[in-house]
Amino acid sequence: QQDNRTLPVWLSSFQNTFGTDWAATMAASTLFA
């Protein structure tokens, strides 16, 4: 049930064709903190 996951797991979902989307990951991490 992916809809029952929490924000820390959601943070690992920022991927693009080149690998990790660091820009979106850092922005999401800032919002998370």
Full PDB file with SEQRES, HELIX, SHEET, SSBOND, CRYST1, ORIGX, SCALE, CONECT and MASTER records, all heavy atoms in Angstrom:
SEQRES   1 A   33  GLN GLN ASP ASN ARG THR LEU PRO VAL TRP LEU SER SER          
SEQRES   2 A   33  PHE GLN ASN THR PHE GLY THR ASP TRP ALA ALA THR MET          
SEQRES   3 A   33  ALA ALA SER THR LEU PHE ALA                                  
HELIX    1 AA1 GLN A    2  ASN A    4  5                                   3    
HELIX    2 AA2 LEU A    7  TRP A   10  1                                   4    
HELIX    3 AA3 LEU A   11  SER A   13  5                                   3    
HELIX    4 AA4 TRP A   22  PHE A   32  1                                  11    
SHEET    1 AA1 2 GLN A  15  ASN A  16  0                                        
SHEET    2 AA1 2 GLY A  19  THR A  20 -1                                        
CRYST1    1.000    1.000    1.000  90.00  90.00  90.00 P 1           1          
ORIGX1      1.000000  0.000000  0.000000        0.00000                         
ORIGX2      0.000000  1.000000  0.000000        0.00000                         
ORIGX3      0.000000  0.000000  1.000000        0.00000                         
SCALE1      1.000000  0.000000  0.000000        0.00000                         
SCALE2      0.000000  1.000000  0.000000        0.00000                         
SCALE3      0.000000  0.000000  1.000000        0.00000                         
ATOM      1  N   GLN A   1       0.838  -1.196   0.000  1.00  0.00           N  
ATOM      2  CA  GLN A   1       0.000   0.000   0.000  1.00  0.00           C  
ATOM      3  C   GLN A   1       0.878   1.252   0.000  1.00  0.00           C  
ATOM      4  O   GLN A   1       1.195   1.818   1.039  1.00  0.00           O  
ATOM      5  CB  GLN A   1      -0.926  -0.013   1.227  1.00  0.00           C  
ATOM      6  CG  GLN A   1      -1.898  -1.169   1.277  1.00  0.00           C  
ATOM      7  CD  GLN A   1      -2.899  -1.122   0.140  1.00  0.00           C  
ATOM      8  OE1 GLN A   1      -3.262  -0.048  -0.352  1.00  0.00           O  
ATOM      9  NE2 GLN A   1      -3.359  -2.280  -0.290  1.00  0.00           N  
ATOM     10  N   GLN A   2       1.269   1.689  -1.191  1.00  0.00           N  
ATOM     11  CA  GLN A   2       2.175   2.830  -1.304  1.00  0.00           C  
ATOM     12  C   GLN A   2       1.549   4.107  -0.737  1.00  0.00           C  
ATOM     13  O   GLN A   2       2.264   5.003  -0.273  1.00  0.00           O  
ATOM     14  CB  GLN A   2       2.550   3.043  -2.767  1.00  0.00           C  
ATOM     15  CG  GLN A   2       3.213   1.834  -3.431  1.00  0.00           C  
ATOM     16  CD  GLN A   2       4.553   1.508  -2.814  1.00  0.00           C  
ATOM     17  OE1 GLN A   2       5.340   2.392  -2.534  1.00  0.00           O  
ATOM     18  NE2 GLN A   2       4.812   0.225  -2.587  1.00  0.00           N  
ATOM     19  N   ASP A   3       0.225   4.206  -0.761  1.00  0.00           N  
ATOM     20  CA  ASP A   3      -0.435   5.418  -0.263  1.00  0.00           C  
ATOM     21  C   ASP A   3      -0.334   5.552   1.248  1.00  0.00           C  
ATOM     22  O   ASP A   3      -0.678   6.602   1.788  1.00  0.00           O  
ATOM     23  CB  ASP A   3      -1.914   5.408  -0.671  1.00  0.00           C  
ATOM     24  CG  ASP A   3      -2.096   5.628  -2.164  1.00  0.00           C  
ATOM     25  OD1 ASP A   3      -1.117   6.058  -2.818  1.00  0.00           O  
ATOM     26  OD2 ASP A   3      -3.198   5.364  -2.679  1.00  0.00           O  
ATOM     27  N   ASN A   4       0.110   4.505   1.941  1.00  0.00           N  
ATOM     28  CA  ASN A   4       0.242   4.560   3.399  1.00  0.00           C  
ATOM     29  C   ASN A   4       1.662   4.886   3.848  1.00  0.00           C  
ATOM     30  O   ASN A   4       1.947   4.846   5.044  1.00  0.00           O  
ATOM     31  CB  ASN A   4      -0.188   3.233   4.023  1.00  0.00           C  
ATOM     32  CG  ASN A   4      -1.693   3.051   4.002  1.00  0.00           C  
ATOM     33  OD1 ASN A   4      -2.443   4.027   3.891  1.00  0.00           O  
ATOM     34  ND2 ASN A   4      -2.147   1.820   4.095  1.00  0.00           N  
ATOM     35  N   ARG A   5       2.536   5.201   2.935  1.00  0.00           N  
ATOM     36  CA  ARG A   5       3.902   5.533   3.308  1.00  0.00           C  
ATOM     37  C   ARG A   5       3.983   6.963   3.857  1.00  0.00           C  
ATOM     38  O   ARG A   5       3.060   7.756   3.705  1.00  0.00           O  
ATOM     39  CB  ARG A   5       4.839   5.359   2.117  1.00  0.00           C  
ATOM     40  CG  ARG A   5       5.007   3.899   1.726  1.00  0.00           C  
ATOM     41  CD  ARG A   5       6.180   3.687   0.800  1.00  0.00           C  
ATOM     42  NE  ARG A   5       6.506   2.262   0.705  1.00  0.00           N  
ATOM     43  CZ  ARG A   5       7.542   1.788   0.037  1.00  0.00           C  
ATOM     44  NH1 ARG A   5       8.348   2.607  -0.609  1.00  0.00           N  
ATOM     45  NH2 ARG A   5       7.788   0.492   0.016  1.00  0.00           N  
ATOM     46  N   THR A   6       5.121   7.256   4.476  1.00  0.00           N  
ATOM     47  CA  THR A   6       5.298   8.549   5.121  1.00  0.00           C  
ATOM     48  C   THR A   6       6.333   9.382   4.372  1.00  0.00           C  
ATOM     49  O   THR A   6       6.953   8.925   3.411  1.00  0.00           O  
ATOM     50  CB  THR A   6       5.738   8.352   6.580  1.00  0.00           C  
ATOM     51  OG1 THR A   6       6.911   7.532   6.613  1.00  0.00           O  
ATOM     52  CG2 THR A   6       4.631   7.678   7.388  1.00  0.00           C  
ATOM     53  N   LEU A   7       6.529  10.604   4.839  1.00  0.00           N  
ATOM     54  CA  LEU A   7       7.407  11.540   4.134  1.00  0.00           C  
ATOM     55  C   LEU A   7       8.854  11.074   3.992  1.00  0.00           C  
ATOM     56  O   LEU A   7       9.459  11.294   2.938  1.00  0.00           O  
ATOM     57  CB  LEU A   7       7.368  12.904   4.831  1.00  0.00           C  
ATOM     58  CG  LEU A   7       6.174  13.793   4.484  1.00  0.00           C  
ATOM     59  CD1 LEU A   7       6.231  15.077   5.307  1.00  0.00           C  
ATOM     60  CD2 LEU A   7       6.149  14.134   3.010  1.00  0.00           C  
ATOM     61  N   PRO A   8       9.473  10.442   5.016  1.00  0.00           N  
ATOM     62  CA  PRO A   8      10.855   9.989   4.811  1.00  0.00           C  
ATOM     63  C   PRO A   8      10.999   9.026   3.633  1.00  0.00           C  
ATOM     64  O   PRO A   8      12.003   9.071   2.919  1.00  0.00           O  
ATOM     65  CB  PRO A   8      11.198   9.306   6.139  1.00  0.00           C  
ATOM     66  CG  PRO A   8      10.338   9.985   7.140  1.00  0.00           C  
ATOM     67  CD  PRO A   8       9.062  10.267   6.421  1.00  0.00           C  
ATOM     68  N   VAL A   9      10.014   8.165   3.428  1.00  0.00           N  
ATOM     69  CA  VAL A   9      10.064   7.259   2.287  1.00  0.00           C  
ATOM     70  C   VAL A   9       9.815   8.025   0.996  1.00  0.00           C  
ATOM     71  O   VAL A   9      10.438   7.750  -0.032  1.00  0.00           O  
ATOM     72  CB  VAL A   9       9.032   6.130   2.454  1.00  0.00           C  
ATOM     73  CG1 VAL A   9       9.086   5.161   1.278  1.00  0.00           C  
ATOM     74  CG2 VAL A   9       9.279   5.386   3.760  1.00  0.00           C  
ATOM     75  N   TRP A  10       8.930   8.992   1.047  1.00  0.00           N  
ATOM     76  CA  TRP A  10       8.642   9.830  -0.119  1.00  0.00           C  
ATOM     77  C   TRP A  10       9.888  10.565  -0.607  1.00  0.00           C  
ATOM     78  O   TRP A  10      10.065  10.777  -1.803  1.00  0.00           O  
ATOM     79  CB  TRP A  10       7.533  10.805   0.243  1.00  0.00           C  
ATOM     80  CG  TRP A  10       7.282  11.903  -0.740  1.00  0.00           C  
ATOM     81  CD1 TRP A  10       6.624  11.797  -1.938  1.00  0.00           C  
ATOM     82  CD2 TRP A  10       7.661  13.272  -0.614  1.00  0.00           C  
ATOM     83  NE1 TRP A  10       6.572  13.019  -2.561  1.00  0.00           N  
ATOM     84  CE2 TRP A  10       7.206  13.936  -1.766  1.00  0.00           C  
ATOM     85  CE3 TRP A  10       8.334  13.994   0.352  1.00  0.00           C  
ATOM     86  CZ2 TRP A  10       7.401  15.292  -1.964  1.00  0.00           C  
ATOM     87  CZ3 TRP A  10       8.531  15.344   0.158  1.00  0.00           C  
ATOM     88  CH2 TRP A  10       8.071  15.981  -0.992  1.00  0.00           C  
ATOM     89  N   LEU A  11      10.770  10.939   0.323  1.00  0.00           N  
ATOM     90  CA  LEU A  11      11.978  11.674  -0.064  1.00  0.00           C  
ATOM     91  C   LEU A  11      12.882  10.870  -0.996  1.00  0.00           C  
ATOM     92  O   LEU A  11      13.659  11.455  -1.751  1.00  0.00           O  
ATOM     93  CB  LEU A  11      12.771  12.077   1.180  1.00  0.00           C  
ATOM     94  CG  LEU A  11      12.222  13.237   1.995  1.00  0.00           C  
ATOM     95  CD1 LEU A  11      13.051  13.444   3.252  1.00  0.00           C  
ATOM     96  CD2 LEU A  11      12.211  14.511   1.169  1.00  0.00           C  
ATOM     97  N   SER A  12      12.785   9.547  -0.928  1.00  0.00           N  
ATOM     98  CA  SER A  12      13.645   8.722  -1.779  1.00  0.00           C  
ATOM     99  C   SER A  12      13.089   8.551  -3.186  1.00  0.00           C  
ATOM    100  O   SER A  12      13.680   7.815  -3.992  1.00  0.00           O  
ATOM    101  CB  SER A  12      13.825   7.333  -1.143  1.00  0.00           C  
ATOM    102  OG  SER A  12      12.576   6.653  -1.058  1.00  0.00           O  
ATOM    103  N   SER A  13      11.992   9.214  -3.503  1.00  0.00           N  
ATOM    104  CA  SER A  13      11.333   9.004  -4.795  1.00  0.00           C  
ATOM    105  C   SER A  13      11.755   9.999  -5.865  1.00  0.00           C  
ATOM    106  O   SER A  13      11.257   9.915  -6.992  1.00  0.00           O  
ATOM    107  CB  SER A  13       9.811   9.085  -4.606  1.00  0.00           C  
ATOM    108  OG  SER A  13       9.427  10.386  -4.197  1.00  0.00           O  
ATOM    109  N   PHE A  14      12.635  10.932  -5.541  1.00  0.00           N  
ATOM    110  CA  PHE A  14      13.006  11.956  -6.514  1.00  0.00           C  
ATOM    111  C   PHE A  14      14.113  11.435  -7.420  1.00  0.00           C  
ATOM    112  O   PHE A  14      15.304  11.559  -7.130  1.00  0.00           O  
ATOM    113  CB  PHE A  14      13.445  13.247  -5.805  1.00  0.00           C  
ATOM    114  CG  PHE A  14      12.298  13.988  -5.197  1.00  0.00           C  
ATOM    115  CD1 PHE A  14      11.973  13.813  -3.872  1.00  0.00           C  
ATOM    116  CD2 PHE A  14      11.516  14.833  -5.966  1.00  0.00           C  
ATOM    117  CE1 PHE A  14      10.907  14.480  -3.317  1.00  0.00           C  
ATOM    118  CE2 PHE A  14      10.444  15.510  -5.418  1.00  0.00           C  
ATOM    119  CZ  PHE A  14      10.131  15.332  -4.092  1.00  0.00           C  
ATOM    120  N   GLN A  15      13.703  10.847  -8.497  1.00  0.00           N  
ATOM    121  CA  GLN A  15      14.624  10.293  -9.487  1.00  0.00           C  
ATOM    122  C   GLN A  15      14.284  10.881 -10.863  1.00  0.00           C  
ATOM    123  O   GLN A  15      13.140  11.191 -11.143  1.00  0.00           O  
ATOM    124  CB  GLN A  15      14.513   8.759  -9.544  1.00  0.00           C  
ATOM    125  CG  GLN A  15      14.774   8.056  -8.237  1.00  0.00           C  
ATOM    126  CD  GLN A  15      16.240   8.050  -7.859  1.00  0.00           C  
ATOM    127  OE1 GLN A  15      17.103   8.027  -8.728  1.00  0.00           O  
ATOM    128  NE2 GLN A  15      16.527   8.057  -6.562  1.00  0.00           N  
ATOM    129  N   ASN A  16      15.305  11.018 -11.678  1.00  0.00           N  
ATOM    130  CA  ASN A  16      15.087  11.414 -13.066  1.00  0.00           C  
ATOM    131  C   ASN A  16      15.911  10.492 -13.960  1.00  0.00           C  
ATOM    132  O   ASN A  16      16.494   9.505 -13.510  1.00  0.00           O  
ATOM    133  CB  ASN A  16      15.440  12.889 -13.292  1.00  0.00           C  
ATOM    134  CG  ASN A  16      16.853  13.223 -12.843  1.00  0.00           C  
ATOM    135  OD1 ASN A  16      17.749  12.372 -12.892  1.00  0.00           O  
ATOM    136  ND2 ASN A  16      17.060  14.455 -12.394  1.00  0.00           N  
ATOM    137  N   THR A  17      15.997  10.805 -15.235  1.00  0.00           N  
ATOM    138  CA  THR A  17      16.713   9.934 -16.170  1.00  0.00           C  
ATOM    139  C   THR A  17      18.202   9.891 -15.895  1.00  0.00           C  
ATOM    140  O   THR A  17      18.894   8.982 -16.369  1.00  0.00           O  
ATOM    141  CB  THR A  17      16.474  10.423 -17.612  1.00  0.00           C  
ATOM    142  OG1 THR A  17      16.859  11.804 -17.719  1.00  0.00           O  
ATOM    143  CG2 THR A  17      15.004  10.273 -17.981  1.00  0.00           C  
ATOM    144  N   PHE A  18      18.718  10.841 -15.133  1.00  0.00           N  
ATOM    145  CA  PHE A  18      20.154  10.896 -14.837  1.00  0.00           C  
ATOM    146  C   PHE A  18      20.481  10.401 -13.432  1.00  0.00           C  
ATOM    147  O   PHE A  18      21.621  10.489 -12.986  1.00  0.00           O  
ATOM    148  CB  PHE A  18      20.674  12.331 -15.004  1.00  0.00           C  
ATOM    149  CG  PHE A  18      20.436  12.904 -16.368  1.00  0.00           C  
ATOM    150  CD1 PHE A  18      19.383  13.779 -16.594  1.00  0.00           C  
ATOM    151  CD2 PHE A  18      21.250  12.554 -17.433  1.00  0.00           C  
ATOM    152  CE1 PHE A  18      19.160  14.303 -17.852  1.00  0.00           C  
ATOM    153  CE2 PHE A  18      21.032  13.081 -18.693  1.00  0.00           C  
ATOM    154  CZ  PHE A  18      19.976  13.959 -18.911  1.00  0.00           C  
ATOM    155  N   GLY A  19      19.473   9.888 -12.705  1.00  0.00           N  
ATOM    156  CA  GLY A  19      19.705   9.412 -11.349  1.00  0.00           C  
ATOM    157  C   GLY A  19      18.911  10.231 -10.353  1.00  0.00           C  
ATOM    158  O   GLY A  19      17.770  10.621 -10.615  1.00  0.00           O  
ATOM    159  N   THR A  20      19.503  10.523  -9.207  1.00  0.00           N  
ATOM    160  CA  THR A  20      18.819  11.285  -8.172  1.00  0.00           C  
ATOM    161  C   THR A  20      18.669  12.743  -8.576  1.00  0.00           C  
ATOM    162  O   THR A  20      19.627  13.377  -9.025  1.00  0.00           O  
ATOM    163  CB  THR A  20      19.591  11.196  -6.848  1.00  0.00           C  
ATOM    164  OG1 THR A  20      19.729   9.827  -6.473  1.00  0.00           O  
ATOM    165  CG2 THR A  20      18.847  11.939  -5.746  1.00  0.00           C  
ATOM    166  N   ASP A  21      17.474  13.258  -8.412  1.00  0.00           N  
ATOM    167  CA  ASP A  21      17.220  14.679  -8.659  1.00  0.00           C  
ATOM    168  C   ASP A  21      17.588  15.438  -7.385  1.00  0.00           C  
ATOM    169  O   ASP A  21      16.767  15.641  -6.493  1.00  0.00           O  
ATOM    170  CB  ASP A  21      15.748  14.881  -9.014  1.00  0.00           C  
ATOM    171  CG  ASP A  21      15.446  16.307  -9.454  1.00  0.00           C  
ATOM    172  OD1 ASP A  21      16.316  17.172  -9.278  1.00  0.00           O  
ATOM    173  OD2 ASP A  21      14.345  16.545  -9.980  1.00  0.00           O  
ATOM    174  N   TRP A  22      18.864  15.859  -7.314  1.00  0.00           N  
ATOM    175  CA  TRP A  22      19.360  16.464  -6.080  1.00  0.00           C  
ATOM    176  C   TRP A  22      18.667  17.771  -5.749  1.00  0.00           C  
ATOM    177  O   TRP A  22      18.445  18.090  -4.572  1.00  0.00           O  
ATOM    178  CB  TRP A  22      20.873  16.680  -6.168  1.00  0.00           C  
ATOM    179  CG  TRP A  22      21.646  15.413  -6.193  1.00  0.00           C  
ATOM    180  CD1 TRP A  22      22.358  14.883  -7.231  1.00  0.00           C  
ATOM    181  CD2 TRP A  22      21.771  14.475  -5.114  1.00  0.00           C  
ATOM    182  NE1 TRP A  22      22.925  13.674  -6.881  1.00  0.00           N  
ATOM    183  CE2 TRP A  22      22.583  13.397  -5.580  1.00  0.00           C  
ATOM    184  CE3 TRP A  22      21.284  14.426  -3.810  1.00  0.00           C  
ATOM    185  CZ2 TRP A  22      22.902  12.317  -4.785  1.00  0.00           C  
ATOM    186  CZ3 TRP A  22      21.598  13.340  -3.022  1.00  0.00           C  
ATOM    187  CH2 TRP A  22      22.402  12.305  -3.500  1.00  0.00           C  
ATOM    188  N   ALA A  23      18.324  18.536  -6.738  1.00  0.00           N  
ATOM    189  CA  ALA A  23      17.675  19.820  -6.487  1.00  0.00           C  
ATOM    190  C   ALA A  23      16.325  19.624  -5.799  1.00  0.00           C  
ATOM    191  O   ALA A  23      16.044  20.229  -4.757  1.00  0.00           O  
ATOM    192  CB  ALA A  23      17.504  20.582  -7.803  1.00  0.00           C  
ATOM    193  N   ALA A  24      15.494  18.740  -6.356  1.00  0.00           N  
ATOM    194  CA  ALA A  24      14.189  18.488  -5.751  1.00  0.00           C  
ATOM    195  C   ALA A  24      14.325  17.781  -4.408  1.00  0.00           C  
ATOM    196  O   ALA A  24      13.543  18.033  -3.483  1.00  0.00           O  
ATOM    197  CB  ALA A  24      13.334  17.647  -6.703  1.00  0.00           C  
ATOM    198  N   THR A  25      15.330  16.913  -4.290  1.00  0.00           N  
ATOM    199  CA  THR A  25      15.546  16.215  -3.022  1.00  0.00           C  
ATOM    200  C   THR A  25      15.909  17.190  -1.913  1.00  0.00           C  
ATOM    201  O   THR A  25      15.402  17.093  -0.782  1.00  0.00           O  
ATOM    202  CB  THR A  25      16.657  15.164  -3.171  1.00  0.00           C  
ATOM    203  OG1 THR A  25      16.281  14.214  -4.179  1.00  0.00           O  
ATOM    204  CG2 THR A  25      16.896  14.433  -1.860  1.00  0.00           C  
ATOM    205  N   MET A  26      16.787  18.141  -2.203  1.00  0.00           N  
ATOM    206  CA  MET A  26      17.163  19.126  -1.187  1.00  0.00           C  
ATOM    207  C   MET A  26      16.000  20.042  -0.829  1.00  0.00           C  
ATOM    208  O   MET A  26      15.805  20.389   0.347  1.00  0.00           O  
ATOM    209  CB  MET A  26      18.338  19.965  -1.697  1.00  0.00           C  
ATOM    210  CG  MET A  26      19.634  19.189  -1.872  1.00  0.00           C  
ATOM    211  SD  MET A  26      20.280  18.466  -0.339  1.00  0.00           S  
ATOM    212  CE  MET A  26      19.816  16.742  -0.572  1.00  0.00           C  
ATOM    213  N   ALA A  27      15.209  20.419  -1.823  1.00  0.00           N  
ATOM    214  CA  ALA A  27      14.036  21.249  -1.541  1.00  0.00           C  
ATOM    215  C   ALA A  27      13.026  20.485  -0.697  1.00  0.00           C  
ATOM    216  O   ALA A  27      12.470  21.023   0.278  1.00  0.00           O  
ATOM    217  CB  ALA A  27      13.401  21.712  -2.852  1.00  0.00           C  
ATOM    218  N   ALA A  28      12.783  19.223  -1.051  1.00  0.00           N  
ATOM    219  CA  ALA A  28      11.853  18.411  -0.274  1.00  0.00           C  
ATOM    220  C   ALA A  28      12.374  18.172   1.143  1.00  0.00           C  
ATOM    221  O   ALA A  28      11.603  18.178   2.102  1.00  0.00           O  
ATOM    222  CB  ALA A  28      11.613  17.077  -0.985  1.00  0.00           C  
ATOM    223  N   SER A  29      13.679  17.980   1.276  1.00  0.00           N  
ATOM    224  CA  SER A  29      14.262  17.780   2.605  1.00  0.00           C  
ATOM    225  C   SER A  29      14.121  19.035   3.462  1.00  0.00           C  
ATOM    226  O   SER A  29      13.880  18.945   4.675  1.00  0.00           O  
ATOM    227  CB  SER A  29      15.738  17.397   2.479  1.00  0.00           C  
ATOM    228  OG  SER A  29      15.888  16.196   1.757  1.00  0.00           O  
ATOM    229  N   THR A  30      14.262  20.195   2.847  1.00  0.00           N  
ATOM    230  CA  THR A  30      14.081  21.449   3.578  1.00  0.00           C  
ATOM    231  C   THR A  30      12.642  21.585   4.063  1.00  0.00           C  
ATOM    232  O   THR A  30      12.397  21.955   5.222  1.00  0.00           O  
ATOM    233  CB  THR A  30      14.446  22.640   2.686  1.00  0.00           C  
ATOM    234  OG1 THR A  30      15.809  22.510   2.254  1.00  0.00           O  
ATOM    235  CG2 THR A  30      14.292  23.950   3.428  1.00  0.00           C  
ATOM    236  N   LEU A  31      11.674  21.271   3.200  1.00  0.00           N  
ATOM    237  CA  LEU A  31      10.274  21.308   3.607  1.00  0.00           C  
ATOM    238  C   LEU A  31       9.997  20.289   4.699  1.00  0.00           C  
ATOM    239  O   LEU A  31       9.223  20.541   5.628  1.00  0.00           O  
ATOM    240  CB  LEU A  31       9.377  21.037   2.395  1.00  0.00           C  
ATOM    241  CG  LEU A  31       9.379  22.101   1.297  1.00  0.00           C  
ATOM    242  CD1 LEU A  31       8.557  21.625   0.108  1.00  0.00           C  
ATOM    243  CD2 LEU A  31       8.845  23.422   1.825  1.00  0.00           C  
ATOM    244  N   PHE A  32      10.645  19.131   4.590  1.00  0.00           N  
ATOM    245  CA  PHE A  32      10.448  18.067   5.571  1.00  0.00           C  
ATOM    246  C   PHE A  32      10.974  18.476   6.949  1.00  0.00           C  
ATOM    247  O   PHE A  32      10.404  18.092   7.985  1.00  0.00           O  
ATOM    248  CB  PHE A  32      11.154  16.800   5.088  1.00  0.00           C  
ATOM    249  CG  PHE A  32      11.145  15.676   6.068  1.00  0.00           C  
ATOM    250  CD1 PHE A  32       9.997  14.928   6.271  1.00  0.00           C  
ATOM    251  CD2 PHE A  32      12.278  15.353   6.794  1.00  0.00           C  
ATOM    252  CE1 PHE A  32       9.971  13.881   7.183  1.00  0.00           C  
ATOM    253  CE2 PHE A  32      12.270  14.312   7.698  1.00  0.00           C  
ATOM    254  CZ  PHE A  32      11.122  13.574   7.894  1.00  0.00           C  
ATOM    255  N   ALA A  33      12.059  19.260   6.986  1.00  0.00           N  
ATOM    256  CA  ALA A  33      12.661  19.647   8.259  1.00  0.00           C  
ATOM    257  C   ALA A  33      11.915  20.788   8.943  1.00  0.00           C  
ATOM    258  O   ALA A  33      12.099  21.004  10.149  1.00  0.00           O  
ATOM    259  CB  ALA A  33      14.120  20.052   8.043  1.00  0.00           C  
TER     260      ALA A  33                                                      
MASTER        0    0    0    4    2    0    0    6  259    1    0    3          
END                                                                             
